Amino acid sequence: MTTEDPTVSEPAAEEPQPGEPVTGPPIPDPRRARRRWIVHRLVRDISSVLIISGLLLVADAGVTLLWQEPVTAVIALIRRSEINQRYLSYRTAPLTRADRRVLHALPGVGARLAFLARREGREVQSGDAIGRIVIPRIHASYIVIQGTDALSLEKGPGHYPGTAFPGLGRTVAIAGHRTTYLAPFRHIDALRPGDQIVLEMPYGRFTYIVQYHLIVLPTALWVTRDVGYERLVLSACNPLYSAAQRIIVFARLRSRTPATQVQSAA
């Protein structure tokens, strides 16, 4: 009696006949295998780079939306370390003997402030620090740079060279970024009538009170014109992440506090 075998087995291999070539599994080509490995590794590395780049772009966009553009913020920090701050104090840029004689000869604080404002305007160069702007409402405090060219604005808010320095009874205009290079003016849209803006100059402290703000085209150069009294004009791109418009904040001089050198000249 035969017994069933439920398993599956391979048929017995036939014995090769005399003179018949012996065959076996193909021998892999090592060069082809290496090429396949290189291609696989290259595809994997490119995929990893693309994934990481995508994640970084998403992170950059998120940080920019919530705070500011991080790459230019680092650039701005480097640029700030390069600022010439000599003119921020009379200790580093002292008055000459002739300047002091003129100050003593001038009749009042207003005349002395105007004299020093004109002096500063003549002395500073594009990219130099000229003072500090403090905006309590939006917790902003930045060194102000002379000039509104691209390189100057990378360092901080920039003073329009065609406008006056504080103390001359004319328009003082300052521009700043809202999303890049530390975004000093990011929140100036939050300023309301009555808010204070302070300019600290080496020759005095000037406090301005916000009047109103407007949205204008980039070609609205009239915003920096003199109006018969001293006012401060802040400008920045609008809306956020766009340069299609400008947001302009107007503020009128409320008070001025002369520096020690001005008071001692009385």
C-alpha atoms as a PDB file:
ATOM      1  CA  MET A   1       0.000   0.000   0.000  1.00  0.00           C
ATOM      2  CA  THR A   2       1.305   3.459  -0.886  1.00  0.00           C
ATOM      3  CA  THR A   3       1.240   6.292   1.622  1.00  0.00           C
ATOM      4  CA  GLU A   4       0.138   9.806   0.530  1.00  0.00           C
ATOM      5  CA  ASP A   5       2.606  12.593   1.067  1.00  0.00           C
ATOM      6  CA  PRO A   6       0.810  15.960   1.400  1.00  0.00           C
ATOM      7  CA  THR A   7       4.044  17.932   1.150  1.00  0.00           C
ATOM      8  CA  VAL A   8       5.350  19.464  -2.042  1.00  0.00           C
ATOM      9  CA  SER A   9       8.824  18.482  -3.034  1.00  0.00           C
ATOM     10  CA  GLU A  10      11.042  19.461  -5.932  1.00  0.00           C
ATOM     11  CA  PRO A  11      11.546  16.884  -8.658  1.00  0.00           C
ATOM     12  CA  ALA A  12      14.838  15.101  -8.519  1.00  0.00           C
ATOM     13  CA  ALA A  13      17.537  16.796 -10.513  1.00  0.00           C
ATOM     14  CA  GLU A  14      18.562  14.930 -13.612  1.00  0.00           C
ATOM     15  CA  GLU A  15      22.118  13.826 -13.898  1.00  0.00           C
ATOM     16  CA  PRO A  16      23.966  15.693 -16.647  1.00  0.00           C
ATOM     17  CA  GLN A  17      24.827  13.604 -19.616  1.00  0.00           C
ATOM     18  CA  PRO A  18      28.437  13.200 -20.594  1.00  0.00           C
ATOM     19  CA  GLY A  19      29.608  16.135 -22.752  1.00  0.00           C
ATOM     20  CA  GLU A  20      26.648  18.359 -21.751  1.00  0.00           C
ATOM     21  CA  PRO A  21      27.641  21.834 -20.278  1.00  0.00           C
ATOM     22  CA  VAL A  22      26.949  22.285 -16.630  1.00  0.00           C
ATOM     23  CA  THR A  23      24.665  25.317 -15.965  1.00  0.00           C
ATOM     24  CA  GLY A  24      24.042  27.222 -12.726  1.00  0.00           C
ATOM     25  CA  PRO A  25      22.653  30.507 -11.358  1.00  0.00           C
ATOM     26  CA  PRO A  26      23.915  33.622 -13.226  1.00  0.00           C
ATOM     27  CA  ILE A  27      26.896  35.384 -11.679  1.00  0.00           C
ATOM     28  CA  PRO A  28      25.978  39.050 -10.824  1.00  0.00           C
ATOM     29  CA  ASP A  29      27.971  41.810 -12.511  1.00  0.00           C
ATOM     30  CA  PRO A  30      29.641  43.816  -9.653  1.00  0.00           C
ATOM     31  CA  ARG A  31      29.875  46.967 -11.785  1.00  0.00           C
ATOM     32  CA  ARG A  32      26.146  46.915 -12.523  1.00  0.00           C
ATOM     33  CA  ALA A  33      25.350  46.320  -8.867  1.00  0.00           C
ATOM     34  CA  ARG A  34      27.539  49.284  -7.857  1.00  0.00           C
ATOM     35  CA  ARG A  35      25.817  51.525 -10.393  1.00  0.00           C
ATOM     36  CA  ARG A  36      22.432  50.535  -8.987  1.00  0.00           C
ATOM     37  CA  TRP A  37      23.668  51.259  -5.458  1.00  0.00           C
ATOM     38  CA  ILE A  38      24.990  54.680  -6.482  1.00  0.00           C
ATOM     39  CA  VAL A  39      21.705  55.603  -8.189  1.00  0.00           C
ATOM     40  CA  HIS A  40      19.714  54.434  -5.156  1.00  0.00           C
ATOM     41  CA  ARG A  41      21.938  56.425  -2.799  1.00  0.00           C
ATOM     42  CA  LEU A  42      21.698  59.529  -4.995  1.00  0.00           C
ATOM     43  CA  VAL A  43      17.909  59.347  -5.148  1.00  0.00           C
ATOM     44  CA  ARG A  44      17.724  58.883  -1.388  1.00  0.00           C
ATOM     45  CA  ASP A  45      20.059  61.827  -0.696  1.00  0.00           C
ATOM     46  CA  ILE A  46      18.188  64.133  -3.099  1.00  0.00           C
ATOM     47  CA  SER A  47      14.891  63.149  -1.489  1.00  0.00           C
ATOM     48  CA  SER A  48      16.276  63.926   1.960  1.00  0.00           C
ATOM     49  CA  VAL A  49      17.547  67.324   0.818  1.00  0.00           C
ATOM     50  CA  LEU A  50      14.181  68.189  -0.743  1.00  0.00           C
ATOM     51  CA  ILE A  51      12.304  67.142   2.387  1.00  0.00           C
ATOM     52  CA  ILE A  52      14.596  69.139   4.675  1.00  0.00           C
ATOM     53  CA  SER A  53      14.427  72.167   2.346  1.00  0.00           C
ATOM     54  CA  GLY A  54      10.641  71.982   2.347  1.00  0.00           C
ATOM     55  CA  LEU A  55      10.536  71.817   6.132  1.00  0.00           C
ATOM     56  CA  LEU A  56      12.895  74.793   6.403  1.00  0.00           C
ATOM     57  CA  LEU A  57      10.779  76.820   3.984  1.00  0.00           C
ATOM     58  CA  VAL A  58       7.643  76.033   5.979  1.00  0.00           C
ATOM     59  CA  ALA A  59       9.421  76.950   9.224  1.00  0.00           C
ATOM     60  CA  ASP A  60      10.733  80.178   7.676  1.00  0.00           C
ATOM     61  CA  ALA A  61       7.259  81.128   6.491  1.00  0.00           C
ATOM     62  CA  GLY A  62       5.789  80.390   9.911  1.00  0.00           C
ATOM     63  CA  VAL A  63       8.397  82.428  11.758  1.00  0.00           C
ATOM     64  CA  THR A  64       7.970  85.302   9.277  1.00  0.00           C
ATOM     65  CA  LEU A  65       4.203  85.322   9.767  1.00  0.00           C
ATOM     66  CA  LEU A  66       4.414  85.213  13.552  1.00  0.00           C
ATOM     67  CA  TRP A  67       7.517  87.320  14.117  1.00  0.00           C
ATOM     68  CA  GLN A  68       9.820  88.404  11.276  1.00  0.00           C
ATOM     69  CA  GLU A  69      11.979  86.982   8.514  1.00  0.00           C
ATOM     70  CA  PRO A  70      14.760  85.124  10.396  1.00  0.00           C
ATOM     71  CA  VAL A  71      17.526  85.109   7.770  1.00  0.00           C
ATOM     72  CA  THR A  72      17.510  88.880   7.292  1.00  0.00           C
ATOM     73  CA  ALA A  73      17.238  89.288  11.069  1.00  0.00           C
ATOM     74  CA  VAL A  74      20.644  87.614  11.389  1.00  0.00           C
ATOM     75  CA  ILE A  75      22.010  89.850   8.622  1.00  0.00           C
ATOM     76  CA  ALA A  76      20.644  92.898  10.448  1.00  0.00           C
ATOM     77  CA  LEU A  77      22.374  91.862  13.672  1.00  0.00           C
ATOM     78  CA  ILE A  78      25.652  91.626  11.761  1.00  0.00           C
ATOM     79  CA  ARG A  79      25.045  94.989  10.089  1.00  0.00           C
ATOM     80  CA  ARG A  80      24.271  96.619  13.451  1.00  0.00           C
ATOM     81  CA  SER A  81      27.666  95.554  14.749  1.00  0.00           C
ATOM     82  CA  GLU A  82      29.189  97.564  11.892  1.00  0.00           C
ATOM     83  CA  ILE A  83      27.373 100.821  12.678  1.00  0.00           C
ATOM     84  CA  ASN A  84      29.501 103.897  13.314  1.00  0.00           C
ATOM     85  CA  GLN A  85      28.044 105.102  16.647  1.00  0.00           C
ATOM     86  CA  ARG A  86      30.528 107.927  17.118  1.00  0.00           C
ATOM     87  CA  TYR A  87      27.913 110.641  16.642  1.00  0.00           C
ATOM     88  CA  LEU A  88      25.556 109.306  19.293  1.00  0.00           C
ATOM     89  CA  SER A  89      27.425 111.134  22.035  1.00  0.00           C
ATOM     90  CA  TYR A  90      29.545 114.253  22.407  1.00  0.00           C
ATOM     91  CA  ARG A  91      31.945 112.132  24.446  1.00  0.00           C
ATOM     92  CA  THR A  92      32.965 110.305  21.248  1.00  0.00           C
ATOM     93  CA  ALA A  93      32.339 113.240  18.881  1.00  0.00           C
ATOM     94  CA  PRO A  94      33.087 116.259  21.098  1.00  0.00           C
ATOM     95  CA  LEU A  95      32.178 119.801  20.213  1.00  0.00           C
ATOM     96  CA  THR A  96      35.016 121.956  18.991  1.00  0.00           C
ATOM     97  CA  ARG A  97      36.065 125.105  20.824  1.00  0.00           C
ATOM     98  CA  ALA A  98      34.455 127.144  18.035  1.00  0.00           C
ATOM     99  CA  ASP A  99      31.187 125.230  18.451  1.00  0.00           C
ATOM    100  CA  ARG A 100      31.149 125.946  22.180  1.00  0.00           C
ATOM    101  CA  ARG A 101      31.779 129.650  21.575  1.00  0.00           C
ATOM    102  CA  VAL A 102      28.851 129.794  19.160  1.00  0.00           C
ATOM    103  CA  LEU A 103      26.591 127.992  21.648  1.00  0.00           C
ATOM    104  CA  HIS A 104      27.425 130.498  24.373  1.00  0.00           C
ATOM    105  CA  ALA A 105      26.693 133.369  21.998  1.00  0.00           C
ATOM    106  CA  LEU A 106      23.266 132.095  20.920  1.00  0.00           C
ATOM    107  CA  PRO A 107      20.315 133.677  22.794  1.00  0.00           C
ATOM    108  CA  GLY A 108      18.176 130.692  23.783  1.00  0.00           C
ATOM    109  CA  VAL A 109      17.700 126.909  23.961  1.00  0.00           C
ATOM    110  CA  GLY A 110      15.816 126.766  20.662  1.00  0.00           C
ATOM    111  CA  ALA A 111      18.608 128.525  18.781  1.00  0.00           C
ATOM    112  CA  ARG A 112      21.248 126.301  20.362  1.00  0.00           C
ATOM    113  CA  LEU A 113      19.310 123.126  19.516  1.00  0.00           C
ATOM    114  CA  ALA A 114      18.922 124.319  15.930  1.00  0.00           C
ATOM    115  CA  PHE A 115      22.636 125.060  15.686  1.00  0.00           C
ATOM    116  CA  LEU A 116      23.563 121.577  16.899  1.00  0.00           C
ATOM    117  CA  ALA A 117      20.951 119.945  14.642  1.00  0.00           C
ATOM    118  CA  ARG A 118      22.502 121.616  11.605  1.00  0.00           C
ATOM    119  CA  ARG A 119      25.979 120.642  12.801  1.00  0.00           C
ATOM    120  CA  GLU A 120      24.982 116.985  13.123  1.00  0.00           C
ATOM    121  CA  GLY A 121      23.402 117.039   9.678  1.00  0.00           C
ATOM    122  CA  ARG A 122      26.671 118.260   8.185  1.00  0.00           C
ATOM    123  CA  GLU A 123      28.914 115.861  10.098  1.00  0.00           C
ATOM    124  CA  VAL A 124      27.221 112.473   9.657  1.00  0.00           C
ATOM    125  CA  GLN A 125      27.580 110.259   6.607  1.00  0.00           C
ATOM    126  CA  SER A 126      25.194 107.710   5.114  1.00  0.00           C
ATOM    127  CA  GLY A 127      25.104 104.627   7.331  1.00  0.00           C
ATOM    128  CA  ASP A 128      26.169 106.469  10.513  1.00  0.00           C
ATOM    129  CA  ALA A 129      24.063 106.304  13.663  1.00  0.00           C
ATOM    130  CA  ILE A 130      22.418 109.646  14.448  1.00  0.00           C
ATOM    131  CA  GLY A 131      20.176 108.864  17.423  1.00  0.00           C
ATOM    132  CA  ARG A 132      17.648 106.449  18.866  1.00  0.00           C
ATOM    133  CA  ILE A 133      13.901 106.095  18.319  1.00  0.00           C
ATOM    134  CA  VAL A 134      11.755 104.803  21.184  1.00  0.00           C
ATOM    135  CA  ILE A 135       8.086 103.876  20.649  1.00  0.00           C
ATOM    136  CA  PRO A 136       6.593 102.700  23.966  1.00  0.00           C
ATOM    137  CA  ARG A 137       3.259 101.544  22.504  1.00  0.00           C
ATOM    138  CA  ILE A 138       4.900  98.828  20.404  1.00  0.00           C
ATOM    139  CA  HIS A 139       7.913  98.262  22.713  1.00  0.00           C
ATOM    140  CA  ALA A 140      10.358  99.410  20.030  1.00  0.00           C
ATOM    141  CA  SER A 141      13.768 100.949  20.621  1.00  0.00           C
ATOM    142  CA  TYR A 142      16.234 101.184  17.733  1.00  0.00           C
ATOM    143  CA  ILE A 143      19.275 103.151  16.683  1.00  0.00           C
ATOM    144  CA  VAL A 144      18.408 105.478  13.793  1.00  0.00           C
ATOM    145  CA  ILE A 145      20.716 105.430  10.787  1.00  0.00           C
ATOM    146  CA  GLN A 146      21.410 108.279   8.401  1.00  0.00           C
ATOM    147  CA  GLY A 147      20.070 107.299   4.967  1.00  0.00           C
ATOM    148  CA  THR A 148      17.260 105.262   3.472  1.00  0.00           C
ATOM    149  CA  ASP A 149      19.261 103.267   0.926  1.00  0.00           C
ATOM    150  CA  ALA A 150      19.051  99.481   1.076  1.00  0.00           C
ATOM    151  CA  LEU A 151      22.283  99.000   3.028  1.00  0.00           C
ATOM    152  CA  SER A 152      21.402 101.626   5.634  1.00  0.00           C
ATOM    153  CA  LEU A 153      17.936 100.153   6.222  1.00  0.00           C
ATOM    154  CA  GLU A 154      19.507  96.752   6.841  1.00  0.00           C
ATOM    155  CA  LYS A 155      21.041  98.298   9.978  1.00  0.00           C
ATOM    156  CA  GLY A 156      17.850  99.852  11.342  1.00  0.00           C
ATOM    157  CA  PRO A 157      15.335 102.650  10.787  1.00  0.00           C
ATOM    158  CA  GLY A 158      16.759 105.245   8.403  1.00  0.00           C
ATOM    159  CA  HIS A 159      16.479 109.025   8.425  1.00  0.00           C
ATOM    160  CA  TYR A 160      15.490 110.567   5.089  1.00  0.00           C
ATOM    161  CA  PRO A 161      18.518 112.737   4.165  1.00  0.00           C
ATOM    162  CA  GLY A 162      16.255 115.289   2.485  1.00  0.00           C
ATOM    163  CA  THR A 163      14.427 116.025   5.737  1.00  0.00           C
ATOM    164  CA  ALA A 164      15.523 117.924   8.824  1.00  0.00           C
ATOM    165  CA  PHE A 165      17.100 116.765  12.053  1.00  0.00           C
ATOM    166  CA  PRO A 166      15.012 117.224  15.223  1.00  0.00           C
ATOM    167  CA  GLY A 167      15.170 120.728  16.623  1.00  0.00           C
ATOM    168  CA  LEU A 168      14.829 122.695  13.399  1.00  0.00           C
ATOM    169  CA  GLY A 169      11.049 123.117  13.486  1.00  0.00           C
ATOM    170  CA  ARG A 170      10.563 121.165  10.263  1.00  0.00           C
ATOM    171  CA  THR A 171       9.581 117.657   9.145  1.00  0.00           C
ATOM    172  CA  VAL A 172      11.744 114.772  10.368  1.00  0.00           C
ATOM    173  CA  ALA A 173      11.114 111.575   8.354  1.00  0.00           C
ATOM    174  CA  ILE A 174      12.250 108.040   9.203  1.00  0.00           C
ATOM    175  CA  ALA A 175      11.674 104.807   7.243  1.00  0.00           C
ATOM    176  CA  GLY A 176      11.846 101.232   8.515  1.00  0.00           C
ATOM    177  CA  HIS A 177      11.143  97.645   7.510  1.00  0.00           C
ATOM    178  CA  ARG A 178       8.094  95.719   8.747  1.00  0.00           C
ATOM    179  CA  THR A 179       8.983  92.068   8.044  1.00  0.00           C
ATOM    180  CA  THR A 180      12.718  91.957   7.357  1.00  0.00           C
ATOM    181  CA  TYR A 181      15.967  93.121   8.981  1.00  0.00           C
ATOM    182  CA  LEU A 182      14.606  92.945  12.549  1.00  0.00           C
ATOM    183  CA  ALA A 183      11.323  94.539  11.378  1.00  0.00           C
ATOM    184  CA  PRO A 184      11.626  97.706  13.509  1.00  0.00           C
ATOM    185  CA  PHE A 185       8.334  99.195  12.223  1.00  0.00           C
ATOM    186  CA  ARG A 186       6.327  95.966  12.043  1.00  0.00           C
ATOM    187  CA  HIS A 187       3.635  97.196  14.420  1.00  0.00           C
ATOM    188  CA  ILE A 188       3.429 100.915  13.646  1.00  0.00           C
ATOM    189  CA  ASP A 189      -0.119 100.274  12.450  1.00  0.00           C
ATOM    190  CA  ALA A 190      -0.960  99.799  16.142  1.00  0.00           C
ATOM    191  CA  LEU A 191      -0.075 103.415  16.976  1.00  0.00           C
ATOM    192  CA  ARG A 192      -3.021 105.569  17.978  1.00  0.00           C
ATOM    193  CA  PRO A 193      -3.529 109.353  18.320  1.00  0.00           C
ATOM    194  CA  GLY A 194      -1.907 110.505  21.554  1.00  0.00           C
ATOM    195  CA  ASP A 195       0.809 107.817  21.615  1.00  0.00           C
ATOM    196  CA  GLN A 196       4.348 109.019  22.251  1.00  0.00           C
ATOM    197  CA  ILE A 197       7.362 108.624  19.977  1.00  0.00           C
ATOM    198  CA  VAL A 198      10.721 109.754  21.356  1.00  0.00           C
ATOM    199  CA  LEU A 199      13.843 110.667  19.400  1.00  0.00           C
ATOM    200  CA  GLU A 200      16.992 110.708  21.516  1.00  0.00           C
ATOM    201  CA  MET A 201      19.663 112.808  19.835  1.00  0.00           C
ATOM    202  CA  PRO A 202      23.118 113.672  21.205  1.00  0.00           C
ATOM    203  CA  TYR A 203      21.965 117.269  21.706  1.00  0.00           C
ATOM    204  CA  GLY A 204      18.497 116.607  23.162  1.00  0.00           C
ATOM    205  CA  ARG A 205      15.433 114.439  23.667  1.00  0.00           C
ATOM    206  CA  PHE A 206      12.386 115.149  21.477  1.00  0.00           C
ATOM    207  CA  THR A 207       8.934 113.796  22.278  1.00  0.00           C
ATOM    208  CA  TYR A 208       6.305 113.624  19.542  1.00  0.00           C
ATOM    209  CA  ILE A 209       2.606 112.820  19.871  1.00  0.00           C
ATOM    210  CA  VAL A 210       0.931 110.714  17.187  1.00  0.00           C
ATOM    211  CA  GLN A 211      -1.722 112.588  15.210  1.00  0.00           C
ATOM    212  CA  TYR A 212      -2.977 110.031  12.679  1.00  0.00           C
ATOM    213  CA  HIS A 213      -1.809 107.602  10.009  1.00  0.00           C
ATOM    214  CA  LEU A 214      -2.508 107.213   6.303  1.00  0.00           C
ATOM    215  CA  ILE A 215      -2.102 104.535   3.642  1.00  0.00           C
ATOM    216  CA  VAL A 216      -0.552 106.037   0.497  1.00  0.00           C
ATOM    217  CA  LEU A 217       1.208 105.008  -2.702  1.00  0.00           C
ATOM    218  CA  PRO A 218       5.018 104.730  -2.723  1.00  0.00           C
ATOM    219  CA  THR A 219       5.123 107.831  -4.922  1.00  0.00           C
ATOM    220  CA  ALA A 220       3.460 110.067  -2.287  1.00  0.00           C
ATOM    221  CA  LEU A 221       6.560 112.147  -1.621  1.00  0.00           C
ATOM    222  CA  TRP A 222       4.429 114.975  -0.245  1.00  0.00           C
ATOM    223  CA  VAL A 223       4.333 113.231   3.145  1.00  0.00           C
ATOM    224  CA  THR A 224       7.878 114.444   3.900  1.00  0.00           C
ATOM    225  CA  ARG A 225       7.242 118.109   3.085  1.00  0.00           C
ATOM    226  CA  ASP A 226       7.546 120.809   5.731  1.00  0.00           C
ATOM    227  CA  VAL A 227       4.192 121.958   7.167  1.00  0.00           C
ATOM    228  CA  GLY A 228       5.087 124.976   9.272  1.00  0.00           C
ATOM    229  CA  TYR A 229       5.718 123.127  12.544  1.00  0.00           C
ATOM    230  CA  GLU A 230       7.998 120.313  13.649  1.00  0.00           C
ATOM    231  CA  ARG A 231       6.546 116.907  13.001  1.00  0.00           C
ATOM    232  CA  LEU A 232       7.825 113.357  12.776  1.00  0.00           C
ATOM    233  CA  VAL A 233       6.868 111.105   9.864  1.00  0.00           C
ATOM    234  CA  LEU A 234       7.346 107.328  10.026  1.00  0.00           C
ATOM    235  CA  SER A 235       7.004 105.301   6.830  1.00  0.00           C
ATOM    236  CA  ALA A 236       6.960 101.571   6.115  1.00  0.00           C
ATOM    237  CA  CYS A 237       5.706  99.157   3.472  1.00  0.00           C
ATOM    238  CA  ASN A 238       2.054  98.141   3.548  1.00  0.00           C
ATOM    239  CA  PRO A 239       0.446  95.651   3.827  1.00  0.00           C
ATOM    240  CA  LEU A 240       2.775  93.197   5.500  1.00  0.00           C
ATOM    241  CA  TYR A 241       4.850  91.163   2.994  1.00  0.00           C
ATOM    242  CA  SER A 242       4.106  93.689   0.242  1.00  0.00           C
ATOM    243  CA  ALA A 243       5.591  96.950  -1.047  1.00  0.00           C
ATOM    244  CA  ALA A 244       2.472  98.008  -2.937  1.00  0.00           C
ATOM    245  CA  GLN A 245       1.675 100.814  -0.492  1.00  0.00           C
ATOM    246  CA  ARG A 246       3.154 102.791   2.376  1.00  0.00           C
ATOM    247  CA  ILE A 247       1.763 103.278   5.863  1.00  0.00           C
ATOM    248  CA  ILE A 248       2.597 106.746   7.150  1.00  0.00           C
ATOM    249  CA  VAL A 249       2.397 107.808  10.795  1.00  0.00           C
ATOM    250  CA  PHE A 250       2.324 111.552  11.527  1.00  0.00           C
ATOM    251  CA  ALA A 251       3.323 112.901  14.945  1.00  0.00           C
ATOM    252  CA  ARG A 252       3.717 116.471  16.216  1.00  0.00           C
ATOM    253  CA  LEU A 253       6.474 117.707  18.513  1.00  0.00           C
ATOM    254  CA  ARG A 254       5.200 117.980  22.089  1.00  0.00           C
ATOM    255  CA  SER A 255       8.348 118.708  24.094  1.00  0.00           C
ATOM    256  CA  ARG A 256      12.115 118.900  23.934  1.00  0.00           C
ATOM    257  CA  THR A 257      14.713 118.374  26.627  1.00  0.00           C
ATOM    258  CA  PRO A 258      18.144 119.820  25.812  1.00  0.00           C
ATOM    259  CA  ALA A 259      21.286 117.815  26.489  1.00  0.00           C
ATOM    260  CA  THR A 260      23.643 118.912  29.244  1.00  0.00           C
ATOM    261  CA  GLN A 261      25.944 120.702  26.797  1.00  0.00           C
ATOM    262  CA  VAL A 262      23.051 122.860  25.614  1.00  0.00           C
ATOM    263  CA  GLN A 263      21.856 123.701  29.119  1.00  0.00           C
ATOM    264  CA  SER A 264      25.347 124.515  30.372  1.00  0.00           C
ATOM    265  CA  ALA A 265      25.808 126.943  27.488  1.00  0.00           C
ATOM    266  CA  ALA A 266      23.019 129.148  28.842  1.00  0.00           C
END
